[in-house]
Amino acid sequence: MVTLAPFIKLIGLLGCSTLLVNCTFLQTKVAEPNGFRLETLAINYDNLASKPATPISKVFQFSFYDYDLNWKKVIKTVDVTPLDYRDNKPHLVIDNNGREYLIDPGQDRVNTQGKSVLTNTPLNWYGQGPAITFQPQPGTLIIPLLPNHTYQTAKAEIAKTGGKVLGIFGTTFKGFSPKKDSIPLSYVYFNPNRLAANAGKTKLSVYRSANLSGQSAPNILLSGLITYGDGHSAYLDFSHLKGKGQTNNEQLDDIKTQIRKELAQLEDEPEVVAITLDTHAIIRKPEDIEAVVEREDYQHGSSFLRHETESVARGLRVFDNQTKAYLGSMITPSLLMKDCLKAAKQKFGSEAVIQFLDGEASASAYFENYNPTQDLDLKDPTVVNAFRLTGAKGLELIVQYE
């Protein structure tokens, strides 16, 4: 049964509160709007392979095209400092707020308004600052973007089921142009009829992806999230499956057949509300990352191929390894993949295991009518107010049911 505890309703009446929690040698900022809890976590780099983003040269300006809050294309100019050079040119730079930009190799440039302007927004991410953790309150669920919907149309669909979209956290999106048709990277099943709040009501639509998206040799998705009628969620993991067949393609097709069969069985269970299949594996130890990159005779997966060479912002789901229970989500500043597991354990304990969510350094959040930048004392306002996420697909929706 998905219900809100009375004290959660009290929080809603009081509005957003911000607390300061004293930890050993650290101060942690906490924000508690109605429905979820946000917390910052300072990153201790002493035991990490990742290095903190440290400027190494003089400040300069660069300009690029971006979108404003009304999706109007505008020129943005940013003061940045190089973090590294390639071929004697700035390759990765950071601005005063701690946002990193990959400017070389850059896109085409045009000369306008007396400036040399990149024709597209360079790849950029949350590069410097604390990790940000998200934990849902009772009655708040993580639900993937519904099949064949945008963020705006999904909000209307969710409202029909009795839910309210509070925002987005972590993300698995691909692309953020308002006119470009992004690629959904997940399989989604959502049956709102199985929520306790909808018991006895008129039968609602069931949402299901037409097929298993992203299930190809170089990018097979074997892990995700399952949510039950009482509101609790747990990880879903098919990485144990072995394929039968004489060739690699036959083995892969057999694994996909097994996944479809198991998904169908899960969807028939009356307690299952939602299923997402959207990432490669549960990461219990650093060696699991290598296993994703080299799975049998195939090389797998986008960001996993950069796990040792690039520190970028990461979006994570965190679970308890013993119970499989979903504990919360995290956005980290620039870290190597193997260090994200250490960051999760620092916050959630030694039994914490993770799933990687971000694609192309996209780890960000967006909240409806709420910007916790000041509450959490963050320098980079974009990481928790990334409105461009609302034009993308593959999102992690925060949905509240009362």
Protein backbone atom coordinates (compact mmCIF):
# COMPACT_ATOMS: atom_id res chain seq x y z
CA MET A 1 0.00 0.00 0.00
CA VAL A 2 1.43 3.39 -1.01
CA THR A 3 0.50 5.87 1.70
CA LEU A 4 2.09 8.93 3.22
CA ALA A 5 2.95 8.90 6.88
CA PRO A 6 1.34 11.70 8.90
CA PHE A 7 4.66 13.44 9.51
CA ILE A 8 5.20 13.69 5.76
CA LYS A 9 1.90 15.54 5.47
CA LEU A 10 3.11 17.85 8.22
CA ILE A 11 6.27 18.58 6.25
CA GLY A 12 4.10 19.42 3.26
CA LEU A 13 2.16 21.94 5.35
CA LEU A 14 5.28 23.50 6.75
CA GLY A 15 6.96 23.74 3.34
CA CYS A 16 10.63 23.17 2.62
CA SER A 17 12.94 23.05 5.61
CA THR A 18 16.73 23.14 5.53
CA LEU A 19 18.82 21.50 8.22
CA LEU A 20 22.53 21.54 9.06
CA VAL A 21 23.85 18.17 10.18
CA ASN A 22 27.21 17.92 11.92
CA CYS A 23 29.37 15.03 10.74
CA THR A 24 32.96 14.19 11.56
CA PHE A 25 34.96 17.20 10.32
CA LEU A 26 32.20 17.85 7.74
CA GLN A 27 28.99 19.80 7.58
CA THR A 28 26.17 18.32 5.54
CA LYS A 29 23.36 20.41 4.11
CA VAL A 30 19.92 18.82 4.02
CA ALA A 31 16.77 20.01 2.24
CA GLU A 32 13.38 18.36 2.85
CA PRO A 33 10.65 19.56 0.53
CA ASN A 34 7.40 17.64 0.49
CA GLY A 35 8.00 14.12 -0.85
CA PHE A 36 11.75 13.61 -0.71
CA ARG A 37 15.01 14.44 1.04
CA LEU A 38 18.16 15.93 -0.53
CA GLU A 39 21.54 15.94 1.12
CA THR A 40 25.04 16.99 0.14
CA LEU A 41 28.02 14.77 0.80
CA ALA A 42 31.57 16.12 0.67
CA ILE A 43 33.87 13.95 -1.44
CA ASN A 44 37.04 12.77 0.29
CA TYR A 45 39.56 12.27 -2.52
CA ASP A 46 42.28 10.83 -0.26
CA ASN A 47 41.34 7.22 -1.03
CA LEU A 48 40.11 7.75 -4.58
CA ALA A 49 41.81 7.29 -7.93
CA SER A 50 39.95 10.39 -9.17
CA LYS A 51 41.56 13.75 -8.67
CA PRO A 52 39.64 16.92 -7.79
CA ALA A 53 39.13 19.37 -10.66
CA THR A 54 41.99 21.85 -10.29
CA PRO A 55 42.49 24.80 -12.70
CA ILE A 56 46.00 24.94 -14.17
CA SER A 57 46.11 28.09 -16.28
CA LYS A 58 44.69 31.56 -16.88
CA VAL A 59 41.02 32.50 -17.16
CA PHE A 60 39.60 33.12 -20.63
CA GLN A 61 36.14 33.42 -22.18
CA PHE A 62 34.37 31.19 -24.66
CA SER A 63 30.90 31.46 -26.19
CA PHE A 64 28.39 28.89 -27.37
CA TYR A 65 24.78 28.60 -28.42
CA ASP A 66 22.38 27.29 -25.79
CA TYR A 67 18.67 27.56 -24.88
CA ASP A 68 17.02 29.80 -22.32
CA LEU A 69 14.06 28.81 -20.13
CA ASN A 70 11.66 29.48 -23.02
CA TRP A 71 13.63 27.22 -25.39
CA LYS A 72 14.86 30.28 -27.29
CA LYS A 73 18.33 29.88 -28.74
CA VAL A 74 20.78 32.31 -27.16
CA ILE A 75 24.52 32.92 -26.99
CA LYS A 76 26.13 32.21 -23.62
CA THR A 77 29.59 33.47 -22.70
CA VAL A 78 31.43 31.84 -19.80
CA ASP A 79 34.64 32.63 -17.94
CA VAL A 80 36.62 29.40 -17.71
CA THR A 81 39.99 28.05 -16.67
CA PRO A 82 41.71 25.05 -18.36
CA LEU A 83 41.90 21.74 -16.51
CA ASP A 84 44.05 20.08 -19.17
CA TYR A 85 45.51 20.63 -22.62
CA ARG A 86 45.74 18.52 -25.76
CA ASP A 87 47.95 19.52 -28.68
CA ASN A 88 48.70 22.76 -26.83
CA LYS A 89 45.00 23.71 -26.78
CA PRO A 90 42.58 23.79 -23.83
CA HIS A 91 40.67 20.51 -23.89
CA LEU A 92 38.63 20.49 -20.68
CA VAL A 93 37.79 23.71 -18.84
CA ILE A 94 35.88 24.69 -15.70
CA ASP A 95 33.88 27.81 -14.86
CA ASN A 96 33.62 29.68 -11.57
CA ASN A 97 30.62 27.57 -10.50
CA GLY A 98 32.43 24.27 -10.93
CA ARG A 99 30.81 23.24 -14.24
CA GLU A 100 33.13 21.51 -16.68
CA TYR A 101 33.02 21.93 -20.46
CA LEU A 102 34.64 19.74 -23.10
CA ILE A 103 35.65 22.29 -25.75
CA ASP A 104 38.20 20.42 -27.86
CA PRO A 105 37.52 18.82 -30.20
CA GLY A 106 34.83 21.45 -30.56
CA GLN A 107 31.92 21.93 -32.91
CA ASP A 108 31.87 24.33 -35.83
CA ARG A 109 32.18 28.01 -34.99
CA VAL A 110 30.52 31.11 -36.37
CA ASN A 111 31.51 34.72 -35.91
CA THR A 112 28.61 36.76 -34.57
CA GLN A 113 28.23 39.81 -32.32
CA GLY A 114 31.98 40.19 -32.46
CA LYS A 115 32.54 36.74 -30.95
CA SER A 116 33.65 33.33 -32.12
CA VAL A 117 30.72 31.15 -31.04
CA LEU A 118 30.41 27.34 -30.93
CA THR A 119 27.35 26.40 -32.99
CA ASN A 120 26.19 23.87 -30.38
CA THR A 121 26.37 23.59 -26.61
CA PRO A 122 29.59 21.75 -25.71
CA LEU A 123 29.34 18.65 -23.55
CA ASN A 124 29.26 19.89 -19.96
CA TRP A 125 28.66 18.46 -16.52
CA TYR A 126 28.80 18.96 -12.77
CA GLY A 127 32.53 18.95 -12.23
CA GLN A 128 33.28 20.35 -8.79
CA GLY A 129 31.35 20.24 -5.51
CA PRO A 130 29.74 17.74 -3.14
CA ALA A 131 27.84 14.64 -4.11
CA ILE A 132 24.07 15.15 -3.94
CA THR A 133 21.87 12.34 -2.59
CA PHE A 134 18.15 11.82 -3.06
CA GLN A 135 15.92 9.70 -0.84
CA PRO A 136 12.16 9.39 -1.40
CA GLN A 137 9.72 9.77 1.45
CA PRO A 138 6.86 7.23 1.85
CA GLY A 139 4.43 7.62 -1.02
CA THR A 140 7.06 8.90 -3.46
CA LEU A 141 8.11 6.57 -6.28
CA ILE A 142 10.75 6.62 -9.00
CA ILE A 143 8.93 5.97 -12.28
CA PRO A 144 10.61 6.06 -15.70
CA LEU A 145 9.40 8.34 -18.45
CA LEU A 146 6.37 6.65 -19.96
CA PRO A 147 6.75 5.13 -23.46
CA ASN A 148 6.03 7.54 -26.33
CA HIS A 149 5.76 10.52 -23.99
CA THR A 150 7.70 13.69 -23.35
CA TYR A 151 8.20 15.09 -19.86
CA GLN A 152 5.25 17.47 -20.31
CA THR A 153 2.83 14.85 -21.63
CA ALA A 154 3.98 12.33 -19.01
CA LYS A 155 3.03 14.80 -16.27
CA ALA A 156 -0.52 14.85 -17.61
CA GLU A 157 -0.63 11.04 -17.87
CA ILE A 158 0.71 10.61 -14.33
CA ALA A 159 -1.97 13.01 -13.08
CA LYS A 160 -4.63 10.68 -14.56
CA THR A 161 -3.24 7.90 -12.35
CA GLY A 162 -3.53 10.04 -9.20
CA GLY A 163 0.15 10.95 -9.05
CA LYS A 164 2.02 14.24 -9.14
CA VAL A 165 5.41 14.62 -10.85
CA LEU A 166 7.76 16.44 -8.49
CA GLY A 167 10.73 16.47 -10.85
CA ILE A 168 13.64 14.45 -12.19
CA PHE A 169 16.76 13.12 -10.51
CA GLY A 170 19.86 11.42 -11.87
CA THR A 171 18.60 10.88 -15.46
CA THR A 172 19.39 8.38 -18.17
CA PHE A 173 18.71 10.79 -20.99
CA LYS A 174 20.22 10.91 -24.45
CA GLY A 175 20.36 14.35 -26.00
CA PHE A 176 18.61 17.56 -24.98
CA SER A 177 17.61 19.46 -28.08
CA PRO A 178 13.91 20.40 -27.96
CA LYS A 179 13.42 19.47 -31.62
CA LYS A 180 15.63 16.41 -31.84
CA ASP A 181 13.97 13.04 -31.36
CA SER A 182 16.07 11.48 -28.59
CA ILE A 183 16.64 7.74 -28.27
CA PRO A 184 14.83 5.95 -25.42
CA LEU A 185 17.30 3.67 -23.68
CA SER A 186 15.02 1.69 -21.44
CA TYR A 187 12.24 -0.87 -21.30
CA VAL A 188 9.30 0.40 -19.24
CA TYR A 189 6.25 -1.26 -17.68
CA PHE A 190 3.88 0.71 -15.43
CA ASN A 191 0.52 -0.53 -14.11
CA PRO A 192 -1.07 2.21 -11.97
CA ASN A 193 -4.10 0.00 -11.25
CA ARG A 194 -1.97 -1.91 -8.73
CA LEU A 195 -1.34 1.12 -6.56
CA ALA A 196 -3.35 0.99 -3.35
CA ALA A 197 -4.53 4.56 -3.98
CA ASN A 198 -6.27 3.35 -7.16
CA ALA A 199 -8.00 0.30 -5.68
CA GLY A 200 -11.65 0.14 -6.75
CA LYS A 201 -11.33 2.95 -9.28
CA THR A 202 -12.05 2.81 -12.99
CA LYS A 203 -9.47 0.71 -14.80
CA LEU A 204 -6.51 2.81 -15.95
CA SER A 205 -4.20 2.39 -18.93
CA VAL A 206 -1.17 0.12 -18.56
CA TYR A 207 2.04 1.52 -20.05
CA ARG A 208 4.54 -0.82 -21.69
CA SER A 209 7.40 -0.35 -24.16
CA ALA A 210 6.81 -2.02 -27.49
CA ASN A 211 10.09 -3.93 -27.30
CA LEU A 212 13.36 -4.20 -25.40
CA SER A 213 15.11 -0.97 -26.38
CA GLY A 214 18.89 -0.91 -26.46
CA GLN A 215 19.22 -4.70 -26.54
CA SER A 216 22.06 -4.99 -29.04
CA ALA A 217 25.41 -6.71 -28.92
CA PRO A 218 27.44 -3.63 -27.97
CA ASN A 219 24.93 -2.26 -25.50
CA ILE A 220 22.78 -4.97 -23.92
CA LEU A 221 20.81 -3.79 -20.88
CA LEU A 222 20.62 -6.35 -18.11
CA SER A 223 19.62 -4.43 -14.99
CA GLY A 224 16.96 -2.07 -13.74
CA LEU A 225 14.37 -1.29 -11.07
CA ILE A 226 11.17 -3.02 -9.96
CA THR A 227 8.52 -1.33 -7.79
CA TYR A 228 5.73 -3.03 -5.83
CA GLY A 229 2.27 -1.99 -4.71
CA ASP A 230 3.39 -1.23 -1.16
CA GLY A 231 5.77 1.40 -2.55
CA HIS A 232 9.12 -0.31 -2.03
CA SER A 233 11.55 -0.79 -4.91
CA ALA A 234 14.42 -3.20 -5.51
CA TYR A 235 17.00 -3.82 -8.17
CA LEU A 236 16.30 -6.11 -11.09
CA ASP A 237 19.32 -7.94 -12.51
CA PHE A 238 19.60 -10.33 -15.45
CA SER A 239 23.39 -10.33 -15.70
CA HIS A 240 23.48 -13.96 -14.49
CA LEU A 241 21.78 -15.20 -17.66
CA LYS A 242 23.77 -17.37 -20.08
CA GLY A 243 22.81 -17.69 -23.72
CA LYS A 244 22.58 -20.96 -25.65
CA GLY A 245 23.72 -21.25 -29.24
CA GLN A 246 26.69 -21.85 -31.51
CA THR A 247 27.41 -18.21 -32.34
CA ASN A 248 27.59 -15.01 -30.31
CA ASN A 249 24.45 -13.67 -31.99
CA GLU A 250 22.52 -16.85 -31.21
CA GLN A 251 23.60 -16.64 -27.57
CA LEU A 252 22.59 -12.98 -27.41
CA ASP A 253 19.19 -13.69 -28.96
CA ASP A 254 18.66 -16.48 -26.42
CA ILE A 255 19.47 -14.10 -23.53
CA LYS A 256 16.95 -11.59 -24.88
CA THR A 257 14.34 -14.35 -25.15
CA GLN A 258 14.97 -15.31 -21.52
CA ILE A 259 14.67 -11.68 -20.42
CA ARG A 260 11.35 -11.25 -22.26
CA LYS A 261 9.99 -14.40 -20.61
CA GLU A 262 11.03 -13.29 -17.11
CA LEU A 263 9.65 -9.79 -17.66
CA ALA A 264 6.31 -11.26 -18.76
CA GLN A 265 6.17 -13.38 -15.61
CA LEU A 266 6.97 -10.39 -13.40
CA GLU A 267 4.36 -8.24 -15.11
CA ASP A 268 1.73 -10.89 -14.35
CA GLU A 269 2.43 -10.67 -10.62
CA PRO A 270 -0.40 -8.64 -9.03
CA GLU A 271 1.96 -6.74 -6.70
CA VAL A 272 4.27 -5.42 -9.43
CA VAL A 273 3.54 -1.77 -10.27
CA ALA A 274 6.54 -0.76 -12.39
CA ILE A 275 9.59 -2.26 -14.10
CA THR A 276 12.49 -0.48 -15.73
CA LEU A 277 15.31 -2.18 -17.61
CA ASP A 278 17.78 0.59 -18.35
CA THR A 279 21.36 -0.16 -17.42
CA HIS A 280 24.10 -2.76 -17.75
CA ALA A 281 24.65 -4.37 -14.37
CA ILE A 282 24.71 -4.12 -10.61
CA ILE A 283 28.16 -2.89 -9.58
CA ARG A 284 29.18 -4.62 -6.35
CA LYS A 285 32.94 -4.23 -6.80
CA PRO A 286 35.20 -2.36 -9.26
CA GLU A 287 35.83 -5.55 -11.25
CA ASP A 288 32.14 -5.58 -12.22
CA ILE A 289 32.78 -2.51 -14.39
CA GLU A 290 35.40 -4.43 -16.36
CA ALA A 291 32.93 -7.29 -16.75
CA VAL A 292 30.45 -4.91 -18.39
CA VAL A 293 33.03 -3.59 -20.84
CA GLU A 294 34.21 -7.08 -21.83
CA ARG A 295 31.17 -9.35 -21.62
CA GLU A 296 32.19 -12.60 -23.30
CA ASP A 297 33.19 -11.82 -26.89
CA TYR A 298 31.57 -8.40 -27.09
CA GLN A 299 32.64 -4.94 -26.02
CA HIS A 300 29.82 -3.11 -24.32
CA GLY A 301 28.51 0.20 -23.59
CA SER A 302 29.14 3.90 -24.17
CA SER A 303 30.31 5.45 -20.90
CA PHE A 304 31.68 2.12 -19.67
CA LEU A 305 34.37 2.34 -22.33
CA ARG A 306 35.64 5.50 -20.62
CA HIS A 307 35.58 4.17 -17.09
CA GLU A 308 39.34 4.46 -16.57
CA THR A 309 40.06 7.45 -18.77
CA GLU A 310 37.46 10.11 -17.93
CA SER A 311 36.19 11.53 -14.68
CA VAL A 312 32.69 12.89 -15.25
CA ALA A 313 29.58 13.57 -13.22
CA ARG A 314 27.68 10.36 -12.59
CA GLY A 315 24.08 9.51 -11.84
CA LEU A 316 23.65 6.45 -9.58
CA ARG A 317 20.88 4.37 -8.09
CA VAL A 318 21.95 2.83 -4.78
CA PHE A 319 20.70 -0.46 -3.29
CA ASP A 320 21.34 -2.72 -0.31
CA ASN A 321 23.21 -5.76 -1.57
CA GLN A 322 21.56 -8.12 0.92
CA THR A 323 17.92 -7.13 0.50
CA LYS A 324 18.12 -5.59 -3.03
CA ALA A 325 16.12 -2.65 -1.62
CA TYR A 326 16.42 0.74 -3.30
CA LEU A 327 18.06 3.16 -0.86
CA GLY A 328 18.27 6.33 -2.91
CA SER A 329 20.07 8.01 -5.78
CA MET A 330 23.21 10.10 -6.10
CA ILE A 331 24.74 12.69 -8.39
CA THR A 332 28.49 12.85 -8.03
CA PRO A 333 30.91 15.48 -9.29
CA SER A 334 33.62 14.33 -11.72
CA LEU A 335 34.65 10.84 -10.63
CA LEU A 336 35.95 7.72 -12.30
CA MET A 337 33.39 4.95 -12.28
CA LYS A 338 35.28 2.82 -9.79
CA ASP A 339 35.24 5.67 -7.28
CA CYS A 340 31.45 6.09 -7.42
CA LEU A 341 31.00 2.84 -5.51
CA LYS A 342 33.19 4.20 -2.71
CA ALA A 343 31.15 7.40 -2.61
CA ALA A 344 27.92 5.40 -2.33
CA LYS A 345 29.32 3.29 0.50
CA GLN A 346 30.44 6.45 2.29
CA LYS A 347 26.82 7.60 2.42
CA PHE A 348 24.78 4.37 2.51
CA GLY A 349 27.11 1.90 4.23
CA SER A 350 29.28 -1.08 3.36
CA GLU A 351 26.42 -3.11 1.80
CA ALA A 352 25.68 -0.40 -0.79
CA VAL A 353 25.82 -1.42 -4.46
CA ILE A 354 25.07 0.79 -7.46
CA GLN A 355 23.70 1.08 -10.97
CA PHE A 356 25.08 3.75 -13.31
CA LEU A 357 22.42 5.95 -14.89
CA ASP A 358 24.12 8.80 -16.68
CA GLY A 359 24.77 8.80 -20.39
CA GLU A 360 27.18 11.31 -21.92
CA ALA A 361 27.90 13.01 -18.58
CA SER A 362 24.29 13.97 -18.03
CA ALA A 363 23.91 13.62 -14.26
CA SER A 364 21.58 16.43 -13.21
CA ALA A 365 18.22 17.09 -11.57
CA TYR A 366 15.17 19.26 -12.08
CA PHE A 367 12.38 19.98 -9.61
CA GLU A 368 8.98 21.50 -10.26
CA ASN A 369 8.71 24.94 -8.63
CA TYR A 370 11.73 24.31 -6.41
CA ASN A 371 15.42 25.14 -6.75
CA PRO A 372 17.47 23.89 -3.78
CA THR A 373 20.75 25.54 -4.86
CA GLN A 374 20.88 27.85 -1.85
CA ASP A 375 19.40 25.30 0.56
CA LEU A 376 22.20 22.89 -0.31
CA ASP A 377 24.85 25.62 -0.65
CA LEU A 378 25.76 24.56 -4.21
CA LYS A 379 27.92 26.72 -6.47
CA ASP A 380 26.59 25.18 -9.69
CA PRO A 381 22.87 26.01 -10.04
CA THR A 382 22.49 23.88 -13.17
CA VAL A 383 23.01 20.54 -11.44
CA VAL A 384 19.72 20.86 -9.54
CA ASN A 385 17.88 23.10 -12.01
CA ALA A 386 18.63 21.52 -15.37
CA PHE A 387 15.46 22.55 -17.21
CA ARG A 388 16.82 21.08 -20.46
CA LEU A 389 16.18 17.63 -19.03
CA THR A 390 12.48 18.25 -19.58
CA GLY A 391 13.11 18.05 -23.33
CA ALA A 392 14.86 14.69 -23.16
CA LYS A 393 13.96 11.01 -22.94
CA GLY A 394 15.01 8.22 -20.60
CA LEU A 395 14.23 10.23 -17.47
CA GLU A 396 13.81 9.15 -13.85
CA LEU A 397 10.56 10.81 -12.73
CA ILE A 398 9.92 11.58 -9.06
CA VAL A 399 6.21 10.86 -8.57
CA GLN A 400 4.20 11.39 -5.39
CA TYR A 401 1.03 9.47 -4.52
CA GLU A 402 -0.93 10.56 -1.44
